[in-house]
Amino acid sequence: MNKIREIELQIQELRAKLYKAAERKSFTDPTVVAASQELDEMLLKYELFFKSKIREGK
């Protein structure tokens, strides 16, 4: 599996984890905040991956 597909799958999993946590708890609950931060980090990784590919001309 290529790198970008791995990141996309992780994003899907983290998004599902966040939605599940948010359904049961408030948005300020530490579990929800932690899940949101994990998703944010992965989205940033995804964005940086694409920016690096653009710089490389690929």
Protein backbone atom coordinates (compact mmCIF):
# COMPACT_ATOMS: atom_id res chain seq x y z
CA MET A 1 0.00 0.00 0.00
CA ASN A 2 1.38 3.39 -0.85
CA LYS A 3 2.11 6.07 1.74
CA ILE A 4 -0.77 8.37 0.81
CA ARG A 5 -3.30 5.54 1.00
CA GLU A 6 -2.03 4.59 4.46
CA ILE A 7 -2.48 8.16 5.65
CA GLU A 8 -5.99 8.33 4.15
CA LEU A 9 -6.99 5.13 5.94
CA GLN A 10 -5.62 6.45 9.23
CA ILE A 11 -7.62 9.66 8.72
CA GLN A 12 -10.80 7.64 8.17
CA GLU A 13 -10.16 5.58 11.31
CA LEU A 14 -9.38 8.63 13.44
CA ARG A 15 -12.45 10.47 12.12
CA ALA A 16 -14.65 7.50 13.07
CA LYS A 17 -13.02 7.40 16.52
CA LEU A 18 -13.73 11.11 16.99
CA TYR A 19 -17.37 10.82 15.90
CA LYS A 20 -17.91 7.87 18.22
CA ALA A 21 -16.40 9.71 21.18
CA ALA A 22 -18.35 12.90 20.43
CA GLU A 23 -21.65 11.01 20.29
CA ARG A 24 -21.25 9.89 23.90
CA LYS A 25 -19.48 12.83 25.51
CA SER A 26 -19.28 16.60 25.33
CA PHE A 27 -16.93 18.26 22.88
CA THR A 28 -14.77 19.46 25.77
CA ASP A 29 -14.34 15.99 27.28
CA PRO A 30 -10.65 15.02 27.37
CA THR A 31 -11.35 11.87 25.31
CA VAL A 32 -13.00 13.89 22.55
CA VAL A 33 -10.29 16.55 22.63
CA ALA A 34 -7.56 13.89 22.40
CA ALA A 35 -9.30 12.20 19.45
CA SER A 36 -9.63 15.57 17.72
CA GLN A 37 -5.95 16.32 18.26
CA GLU A 38 -4.96 12.93 16.83
CA LEU A 39 -7.04 13.63 13.73
CA ASP A 40 -5.56 17.13 13.42
CA GLU A 41 -2.04 15.71 13.51
CA MET A 42 -2.83 13.18 10.80
CA LEU A 43 -4.48 15.83 8.61
CA LEU A 44 -1.38 17.98 8.98
CA LYS A 45 0.80 15.02 8.01
CA TYR A 46 -1.40 14.53 4.93
CA GLU A 47 -1.11 18.18 3.95
CA LEU A 48 2.66 18.25 4.45
CA PHE A 49 3.02 15.08 2.38
CA PHE A 50 1.29 16.77 -0.56
CA LYS A 51 3.27 19.97 -0.17
CA SER A 52 6.51 18.01 -0.25
CA LYS A 53 5.38 16.23 -3.43
CA ILE A 54 4.53 19.54 -5.07
CA ARG A 55 7.98 20.90 -4.21
CA GLU A 56 9.55 17.76 -5.68
CA GLY A 57 7.47 18.20 -8.82
CA LYS A 58 5.75 14.82 -8.49
